[in-house]
Amino acid sequence: MSKTELEGYRNKIRAELDRTVDFWVKHSHDQEYGGFFTCLGKDGTLYDDLKYVWLQGRQVWMYCRLYRTMDRFRTPEILQAAKAGGEFLLSHAWAPPMAGSRKCAFCVTRRGEAVKAQRSVFSECFYVLAMDELARVTGELQYQSEAVRVMDQIVHWVRVDPSGLGRPEMPGAVPLNAMAVPMMLLCLVDQLEEGRRELAEKYSELGQWCVHQILQHVQRDGTAILENVSKDGKELSGCQGRHQNPGHALEAGWFLLQYAVRHGDEGLKRTAIEKFMILPFHAGWDQQQGGLFYFQDVDGHCPTQLEWSMKLWWPHCEALIAFLMGYTETSDPRLLERFSQVYSYTFTHFPDSEHGEWFGYLNRDGKVELDFKGGPFKGFFHVPRCLYMCERLLDGLLGKPQAS
């Protein structure tokens, strides 16, 4: 591929990132109570003022990362919004104690009263990302201390005692290793370790554990990535065991690749690319209509999830990052070809040329099924993270300065 073609990708991605940031800066800031609105219609109109804690954390992290690493986003407005979001999280993210334990809420009212909590660690995970990145931008140690405190609580829930999550053990439930959990913890390890030797040492064993847990999902003699396996790394029976999520596998791929590059592990680097990028892409790509399926069944049964055949924004974002990062690290032309294939589908289907940002939910034919730009699960994260990372990767390939 020529330098001109790479420049074309870079310029389009850069412009799309600017439009996406502009959409959220214009429509999502709650100037009265702090934090962010995420239930935004196609033109940015607010249709619900509930605030979802994991999306609050994601937006704080994304704003801080843009502010810290890209000169054009180093503006007082973005910094102030990030700080206001961080303070909203500190004041309102934590739900009242239940069963002797305290967790982050899943969503709160506009003013910050807890509405709902989930029996998982993901709200807390994005709270950690927000606090750590805010500490890096502001230099205020309280945010870093809070990030480490909650990180250690998450690790305790995951590896020692899950009872604090409020999830009672049922006699028929099989303990499992769901790939989303070690994936997310590996993401947190990468965040907390950056430039901090003491924390790198503290979480070194945790990073290794996460990698081991993720690799257990390579099943069927290396021919499939399964979303759920048993605690000892065996395939489970039934729909749960046959479940595949191509987007998660691709996201895990670039998490593993980052870890492998940082630790000089060539074997893990190959596994990340061959098993977690190329394999799930070929299994998950819709040969008739294009785009990545949301869910699949490894044996070809119809998945039980009603949305299985839809094309969602975030798996395509993860594929773009994965293949461009893989190409950057290996110069393997197969990976650049896959990036080009995903790019072509993504940029002709998801962006909204009229109002900015991306539609998130397409039907199998690639037509917009749900036209809102944000909701309980889609906020200011997967689209801008993808565009941000791809712009920086392309800058590296083109020999351009990173901070721009």
Protein backbone atom coordinates (compact mmCIF):
# COMPACT_ATOMS: atom_id res chain seq x y z
CA MET A 1 0.00 0.00 0.00
CA SER A 2 1.32 3.41 -0.96
CA LYS A 3 2.10 6.28 1.35
CA THR A 4 -0.65 8.24 -0.40
CA GLU A 5 -3.23 5.62 0.58
CA LEU A 6 -2.06 5.65 4.19
CA GLU A 7 -2.28 9.45 4.16
CA GLY A 8 -5.84 9.15 2.89
CA TYR A 9 -6.80 6.86 5.78
CA ARG A 10 -5.08 9.14 8.24
CA ASN A 11 -6.75 12.32 7.00
CA LYS A 12 -10.23 10.75 7.00
CA ILE A 13 -9.75 9.29 10.48
CA ARG A 14 -8.41 12.58 11.84
CA ALA A 15 -11.37 14.51 10.47
CA GLU A 16 -13.81 11.92 11.84
CA LEU A 17 -12.23 12.15 15.29
CA ASP A 18 -12.65 15.94 15.24
CA ARG A 19 -16.34 15.60 14.29
CA THR A 20 -16.94 12.99 16.97
CA VAL A 21 -15.34 15.06 19.73
CA ASP A 22 -17.29 18.11 18.58
CA PHE A 23 -20.58 16.17 18.82
CA TRP A 24 -20.02 15.14 22.44
CA VAL A 25 -18.58 18.50 23.53
CA LYS A 26 -21.64 20.20 22.05
CA HIS A 27 -24.35 17.88 23.36
CA SER A 28 -23.24 15.78 26.35
CA HIS A 29 -22.00 18.15 29.06
CA ASP A 30 -24.29 18.69 32.04
CA GLN A 31 -23.33 22.19 33.06
CA GLU A 32 -25.61 22.17 36.11
CA TYR A 33 -24.82 18.90 37.90
CA GLY A 34 -21.59 17.77 36.26
CA GLY A 35 -20.94 14.55 34.42
CA PHE A 36 -22.26 13.68 30.99
CA PHE A 37 -25.50 12.91 29.23
CA THR A 38 -25.19 9.83 27.06
CA CYS A 39 -28.77 9.19 25.92
CA LEU A 40 -28.50 11.33 22.82
CA GLY A 41 -30.58 11.08 19.66
CA LYS A 42 -29.16 11.23 16.15
CA ASP A 43 -28.92 15.04 16.23
CA GLY A 44 -27.73 15.20 19.84
CA THR A 45 -31.17 15.75 21.38
CA LEU A 46 -31.38 14.44 24.95
CA TYR A 47 -34.02 11.71 25.33
CA ASP A 48 -33.19 10.50 28.88
CA ASP A 49 -31.11 12.12 31.62
CA LEU A 50 -30.06 8.95 33.46
CA LYS A 51 -26.29 8.76 33.78
CA TYR A 52 -24.49 5.45 33.34
CA VAL A 53 -21.46 5.16 35.57
CA TRP A 54 -19.30 3.10 33.23
CA LEU A 55 -19.95 5.62 30.43
CA GLN A 56 -19.11 8.52 32.77
CA GLY A 57 -15.78 6.83 33.48
CA ARG A 58 -15.14 6.15 29.81
CA GLN A 59 -15.75 9.77 28.84
CA VAL A 60 -13.49 11.12 31.59
CA TRP A 61 -10.75 8.71 30.45
CA MET A 62 -11.17 9.60 26.79
CA TYR A 63 -11.19 13.35 27.39
CA CYS A 64 -8.09 13.11 29.57
CA ARG A 65 -6.23 10.91 27.10
CA LEU A 66 -6.99 13.28 24.23
CA TYR A 67 -6.02 16.29 26.35
CA ARG A 68 -2.79 14.67 27.50
CA THR A 69 -1.53 13.33 24.17
CA MET A 70 -2.94 15.46 21.34
CA ASP A 71 -2.22 19.17 21.17
CA ARG A 72 -5.39 20.09 19.30
CA PHE A 73 -7.55 18.74 22.12
CA ARG A 74 -5.62 20.47 24.89
CA THR A 75 -8.38 22.99 25.55
CA PRO A 76 -9.78 24.42 28.80
CA GLU A 77 -13.26 23.17 27.87
CA ILE A 78 -12.18 19.53 27.59
CA LEU A 79 -10.10 19.68 30.76
CA GLN A 80 -12.89 21.29 32.77
CA ALA A 81 -15.43 18.76 31.52
CA ALA A 82 -13.11 15.89 32.45
CA LYS A 83 -12.56 17.28 35.95
CA ALA A 84 -16.28 17.87 36.44
CA GLY A 85 -16.91 14.30 35.30
CA GLY A 86 -14.30 12.99 37.72
CA GLU A 87 -15.80 14.91 40.63
CA PHE A 88 -19.27 13.63 39.70
CA LEU A 89 -17.91 10.07 39.86
CA LEU A 90 -16.21 10.65 43.21
CA SER A 91 -19.41 12.06 44.67
CA HIS A 92 -22.05 9.85 43.09
CA ALA A 93 -20.66 6.66 41.53
CA TRP A 94 -20.92 4.55 44.69
CA ALA A 95 -24.26 2.98 45.47
CA PRO A 96 -25.44 2.49 49.09
CA PRO A 97 -23.93 -0.63 50.70
CA MET A 98 -25.71 -3.90 50.04
CA ALA A 99 -24.99 -7.15 51.88
CA GLY A 100 -22.11 -5.45 53.67
CA SER A 101 -20.32 -4.45 50.47
CA ARG A 102 -20.24 -1.25 48.46
CA LYS A 103 -20.21 -1.15 44.68
CA CYS A 104 -20.48 1.42 41.97
CA ALA A 105 -23.96 1.93 40.65
CA PHE A 106 -24.69 1.00 37.05
CA CYS A 107 -26.76 4.13 36.56
CA VAL A 108 -27.74 7.19 38.58
CA THR A 109 -30.18 10.05 38.19
CA ARG A 110 -29.09 13.33 36.70
CA ARG A 111 -28.36 14.60 40.23
CA GLY A 112 -26.48 11.43 41.12
CA GLU A 113 -28.88 9.24 43.14
CA ALA A 114 -28.24 5.54 42.54
CA VAL A 115 -30.90 3.83 40.41
CA LYS A 116 -29.45 0.41 39.64
CA ALA A 117 -26.39 -1.69 40.43
CA GLN A 118 -25.04 -4.69 38.51
CA ARG A 119 -23.33 -7.76 39.93
CA SER A 120 -20.20 -7.31 37.86
CA VAL A 121 -16.96 -5.33 38.02
CA PHE A 122 -17.26 -3.21 34.90
CA SER A 123 -18.52 0.06 36.40
CA GLU A 124 -15.61 -0.11 38.84
CA CYS A 125 -13.16 -0.88 36.03
CA PHE A 126 -14.03 2.25 34.09
CA TYR A 127 -14.00 4.23 37.32
CA VAL A 128 -10.36 3.14 37.74
CA LEU A 129 -9.48 4.16 34.17
CA ALA A 130 -11.04 7.58 34.75
CA MET A 131 -9.31 8.23 38.07
CA ASP A 132 -5.87 7.17 36.85
CA GLU A 133 -5.98 9.20 33.66
CA LEU A 134 -7.35 12.21 35.55
CA ALA A 135 -4.42 11.94 37.95
CA ARG A 136 -2.01 12.06 35.02
CA VAL A 137 -3.64 15.18 33.58
CA THR A 138 -4.12 17.12 36.80
CA GLY A 139 -1.19 15.86 38.89
CA GLU A 140 -3.57 15.41 41.83
CA LEU A 141 -2.58 12.34 43.84
CA GLN A 142 -6.05 11.78 45.30
CA TYR A 143 -7.20 10.48 41.93
CA GLN A 144 -4.33 8.02 41.63
CA SER A 145 -4.84 6.78 45.19
CA GLU A 146 -8.51 6.23 44.43
CA ALA A 147 -7.66 4.33 41.24
CA VAL A 148 -5.33 1.97 43.12
CA ARG A 149 -7.79 1.49 45.98
CA VAL A 150 -10.59 0.42 43.66
CA MET A 151 -8.26 -1.65 41.47
CA ASP A 152 -7.28 -3.70 44.50
CA GLN A 153 -10.95 -4.17 45.41
CA ILE A 154 -11.69 -5.43 41.89
CA VAL A 155 -8.82 -7.91 42.06
CA HIS A 156 -10.12 -9.16 45.40
CA TRP A 157 -13.59 -9.72 43.96
CA VAL A 158 -12.25 -11.50 40.88
CA ARG A 159 -9.49 -13.64 42.38
CA VAL A 160 -10.29 -14.04 46.10
CA ASP A 161 -13.90 -13.57 47.11
CA PRO A 162 -16.72 -12.63 44.71
CA SER A 163 -19.37 -12.46 47.42
CA GLY A 164 -19.09 -8.67 47.60
CA LEU A 165 -20.54 -8.45 44.10
CA GLY A 166 -23.88 -9.52 45.55
CA ARG A 167 -24.18 -12.50 43.23
CA PRO A 168 -25.42 -15.53 45.20
CA GLU A 169 -24.01 -18.93 44.25
CA MET A 170 -26.62 -21.19 42.67
CA PRO A 171 -26.29 -24.98 42.86
CA GLY A 172 -26.65 -25.52 39.12
CA ALA A 173 -24.35 -22.69 38.02
CA VAL A 174 -20.99 -23.77 36.61
CA PRO A 175 -18.06 -21.52 37.64
CA LEU A 176 -16.64 -20.07 34.47
CA ASN A 177 -13.92 -17.92 33.02
CA ALA A 178 -15.68 -15.22 30.99
CA MET A 179 -13.13 -13.57 28.69
CA ALA A 180 -14.43 -10.04 29.37
CA VAL A 181 -13.09 -10.10 32.95
CA PRO A 182 -9.37 -10.88 32.38
CA MET A 183 -9.48 -8.70 29.26
CA MET A 184 -10.66 -5.74 31.30
CA LEU A 185 -8.15 -6.36 34.06
CA LEU A 186 -5.33 -6.53 31.51
CA CYS A 187 -6.51 -3.16 30.17
CA LEU A 188 -6.34 -1.74 33.71
CA VAL A 189 -2.85 -3.17 34.27
CA ASP A 190 -1.69 -1.47 31.06
CA GLN A 191 -3.20 1.83 32.24
CA LEU A 192 -1.82 1.78 35.77
CA GLU A 193 1.67 0.60 34.83
CA GLU A 194 2.42 3.37 32.32
CA GLY A 195 5.45 5.28 33.57
CA ARG A 196 5.09 3.97 37.13
CA ARG A 197 7.72 1.41 38.12
CA GLU A 198 6.23 0.71 41.54
CA LEU A 199 2.80 -0.12 40.13
CA ALA A 200 4.38 -2.12 37.29
CA GLU A 201 6.03 -4.32 39.90
CA LYS A 202 2.87 -4.52 41.99
CA TYR A 203 0.70 -5.68 39.11
CA SER A 204 3.27 -7.77 37.22
CA GLU A 205 1.86 -11.11 38.40
CA LEU A 206 -1.68 -9.91 37.74
CA GLY A 207 -0.78 -9.13 34.13
CA GLN A 208 0.60 -12.63 33.69
CA TRP A 209 -2.54 -14.12 35.24
CA CYS A 210 -4.75 -12.11 32.87
CA VAL A 211 -2.82 -13.33 29.83
CA HIS A 212 -3.08 -16.94 31.01
CA GLN A 213 -6.83 -16.57 31.57
CA ILE A 214 -7.38 -15.05 28.13
CA LEU A 215 -5.33 -17.76 26.38
CA GLN A 216 -7.61 -20.41 27.89
CA HIS A 217 -10.25 -19.22 25.44
CA VAL A 218 -8.30 -20.64 22.49
CA GLN A 219 -10.24 -23.88 22.07
CA ARG A 220 -10.83 -26.79 19.68
CA ASP A 221 -7.15 -27.35 18.93
CA GLY A 222 -6.61 -23.68 18.20
CA THR A 223 -9.45 -23.29 15.68
CA ALA A 224 -11.86 -21.18 17.74
CA ILE A 225 -12.00 -18.45 20.37
CA LEU A 226 -14.85 -19.17 22.78
CA GLU A 227 -16.24 -16.46 25.03
CA ASN A 228 -16.79 -18.68 28.08
CA VAL A 229 -14.75 -21.62 29.34
CA SER A 230 -14.56 -23.48 32.63
CA LYS A 231 -12.31 -22.31 35.45
CA ASP A 232 -9.73 -24.89 34.40
CA GLY A 233 -9.85 -23.88 30.74
CA LYS A 234 -12.16 -26.54 29.31
CA GLU A 235 -15.03 -26.10 26.87
CA LEU A 236 -18.46 -25.82 28.48
CA SER A 237 -21.57 -27.60 27.27
CA GLY A 238 -24.60 -25.91 25.75
CA CYS A 239 -25.12 -22.49 24.19
CA GLN A 240 -22.94 -20.77 26.78
CA GLY A 241 -19.97 -22.93 25.86
CA ARG A 242 -20.44 -22.53 22.10
CA HIS A 243 -20.80 -18.75 22.30
CA GLN A 244 -18.46 -16.61 20.18
CA ASN A 245 -18.07 -12.83 20.20
CA PRO A 246 -15.80 -11.75 17.30
CA GLY A 247 -15.50 -8.18 18.55
CA HIS A 248 -14.32 -9.26 22.00
CA ALA A 249 -11.79 -11.64 20.49
CA LEU A 250 -10.35 -8.88 18.31
CA GLU A 251 -10.20 -6.49 21.26
CA ALA A 252 -8.45 -9.14 23.33
CA GLY A 253 -6.04 -9.54 20.41
CA TRP A 254 -4.75 -6.01 20.53
CA PHE A 255 -4.65 -6.05 24.34
CA LEU A 256 -2.46 -9.16 24.13
CA LEU A 257 -0.35 -7.65 21.37
CA GLN A 258 0.36 -4.53 23.44
CA TYR A 259 1.37 -6.73 26.37
CA ALA A 260 3.57 -8.94 24.16
CA VAL A 261 5.39 -5.96 22.64
CA ARG A 262 5.94 -4.38 26.05
CA HIS A 263 7.39 -7.61 27.44
CA GLY A 264 9.25 -8.76 24.31
CA ASP A 265 7.24 -11.98 24.02
CA GLU A 266 7.38 -13.06 20.36
CA GLY A 267 5.32 -16.20 20.93
CA LEU A 268 2.47 -14.25 22.50
CA LYS A 269 2.72 -11.70 19.72
CA ARG A 270 2.13 -14.44 17.12
CA THR A 271 -0.74 -15.91 19.14
CA ALA A 272 -2.38 -12.51 19.51
CA ILE A 273 -2.35 -11.98 15.74
CA GLU A 274 -3.09 -15.47 14.43
CA LYS A 275 -5.59 -16.65 17.04
CA PHE A 276 -7.24 -13.46 18.32
CA MET A 277 -7.25 -11.38 15.14
CA ILE A 278 -7.15 -13.43 11.95
CA LEU A 279 -9.12 -16.43 13.26
CA PRO A 280 -12.16 -14.58 14.70
CA PHE A 281 -12.23 -12.19 11.77
CA HIS A 282 -12.57 -14.99 9.23
CA ALA A 283 -15.15 -16.72 11.40
CA GLY A 284 -17.09 -13.53 12.12
CA TRP A 285 -17.12 -11.72 8.78
CA ASP A 286 -20.46 -11.87 6.94
CA GLN A 287 -19.51 -13.16 3.49
CA GLN A 288 -22.87 -12.19 1.98
CA GLN A 289 -23.55 -8.71 3.37
CA GLY A 290 -20.19 -7.63 4.77
CA GLY A 291 -19.42 -6.52 8.30
CA LEU A 292 -18.85 -8.47 11.50
CA PHE A 293 -21.61 -10.48 13.11
CA TYR A 294 -22.28 -9.56 16.73
CA PHE A 295 -22.55 -13.12 18.08
CA GLN A 296 -21.99 -16.60 16.68
CA ASP A 297 -22.34 -20.25 17.66
CA VAL A 298 -19.17 -22.22 17.03
CA ASP A 299 -21.16 -25.23 15.77
CA GLY A 300 -23.26 -23.16 13.40
CA HIS A 301 -26.50 -23.24 15.37
CA CYS A 302 -28.58 -20.09 15.37
CA PRO A 303 -27.41 -18.09 18.40
CA THR A 304 -30.06 -17.51 21.06
CA GLN A 305 -29.27 -13.77 21.26
CA LEU A 306 -31.89 -11.99 19.13
CA GLU A 307 -29.37 -9.39 17.94
CA TRP A 308 -26.76 -11.96 16.84
CA SER A 309 -26.79 -10.97 13.14
CA MET A 310 -26.70 -7.21 13.69
CA LYS A 311 -23.62 -5.16 12.81
CA LEU A 312 -22.57 -3.03 15.78
CA TRP A 313 -20.15 -0.13 15.87
CA TRP A 314 -17.75 -1.39 18.52
CA PRO A 315 -16.58 -4.73 16.97
CA HIS A 316 -15.62 -2.82 13.83
CA CYS A 317 -13.76 -0.26 15.94
CA GLU A 318 -11.81 -3.07 17.65
CA ALA A 319 -11.02 -4.69 14.31
CA LEU A 320 -9.60 -1.43 12.92
CA ILE A 321 -7.31 -1.03 15.93
CA ALA A 322 -6.27 -4.67 15.96
CA PHE A 323 -5.29 -4.97 12.31
CA LEU A 324 -3.54 -1.60 12.12
CA MET A 325 -1.61 -2.32 15.32
CA GLY A 326 -0.74 -5.78 14.05
CA TYR A 327 0.54 -4.35 10.78
CA THR A 328 2.55 -1.69 12.61
CA GLU A 329 4.29 -4.39 14.66
CA THR A 330 4.87 -6.95 11.87
CA SER A 331 4.56 -5.28 8.43
CA ASP A 332 2.44 -8.31 7.47
CA PRO A 333 0.44 -7.25 4.38
CA ARG A 334 -2.43 -9.57 5.33
CA LEU A 335 -3.17 -7.35 8.29
CA LEU A 336 -3.21 -4.16 6.25
CA GLU A 337 -5.56 -5.85 3.77
CA ARG A 338 -7.94 -6.74 6.62
CA PHE A 339 -7.71 -3.18 7.97
CA SER A 340 -8.62 -1.87 4.52
CA GLN A 341 -11.56 -4.30 4.28
CA VAL A 342 -12.96 -3.29 7.68
CA TYR A 343 -12.29 0.40 7.00
CA SER A 344 -14.26 0.25 3.75
CA TYR A 345 -17.30 -1.29 5.43
CA THR A 346 -17.11 0.86 8.55
CA PHE A 347 -16.75 4.24 6.88
CA THR A 348 -19.54 3.58 4.38
CA HIS A 349 -22.04 2.40 6.99
CA PHE A 350 -21.58 3.85 10.50
CA PRO A 351 -20.67 7.59 10.29
CA ASP A 352 -23.49 10.13 10.13
CA SER A 353 -22.51 12.74 7.56
CA GLU A 354 -25.35 15.04 8.58
CA HIS A 355 -25.06 15.33 12.36
CA GLY A 356 -21.67 13.78 13.14
CA GLU A 357 -20.70 10.79 15.28
CA TRP A 358 -21.65 7.22 14.31
CA PHE A 359 -24.78 5.18 14.33
CA GLY A 360 -24.21 2.14 16.50
CA TYR A 361 -26.74 -0.46 15.50
CA LEU A 362 -27.22 -1.71 11.94
CA ASN A 363 -29.23 -4.69 10.74
CA ARG A 364 -27.57 -7.51 8.85
CA ASP A 365 -28.06 -5.65 5.55
CA GLY A 366 -26.10 -2.68 6.92
CA LYS A 367 -29.09 -0.36 7.28
CA VAL A 368 -29.48 1.77 10.42
CA GLU A 369 -31.75 -0.09 12.84
CA LEU A 370 -31.49 2.27 15.86
CA ASP A 371 -30.63 5.86 15.05
CA PHE A 372 -29.62 7.24 18.45
CA LYS A 373 -25.98 8.19 18.98
CA GLY A 374 -25.74 7.27 22.64
CA GLY A 375 -27.55 5.21 25.25
CA PRO A 376 -26.86 2.88 28.20
CA PHE A 377 -24.11 1.05 26.28
CA LYS A 378 -22.85 3.49 23.65
CA GLY A 379 -21.10 6.64 24.80
CA PHE A 380 -17.94 8.60 24.12
CA PHE A 381 -15.52 5.69 24.02
CA HIS A 382 -15.26 3.03 21.31
CA VAL A 383 -15.54 5.42 18.35
CA PRO A 384 -13.12 8.09 19.64
CA ARG A 385 -10.71 5.50 21.09
CA CYS A 386 -10.57 3.75 17.73
CA LEU A 387 -10.08 6.95 15.76
CA TYR A 388 -7.52 8.25 18.25
CA MET A 389 -5.47 5.05 18.23
CA CYS A 390 -5.65 4.61 14.47
CA GLU A 391 -4.58 8.20 13.87
CA ARG A 392 -1.56 7.72 16.11
CA LEU A 393 -0.67 4.37 14.52
CA LEU A 394 -0.89 5.91 11.05
CA ASP A 395 1.19 8.87 12.21
CA GLY A 396 3.84 6.36 13.26
CA LEU A 397 3.72 4.56 9.93
CA LEU A 398 3.99 7.89 8.10
CA GLY A 399 6.76 9.23 10.33
CA LYS A 400 4.67 12.10 11.67
CA PRO A 401 5.01 13.57 15.18
CA GLN A 402 2.69 11.85 17.67
CA ALA A 403 1.36 14.94 19.44
CA SER A 404 -0.67 16.95 16.94
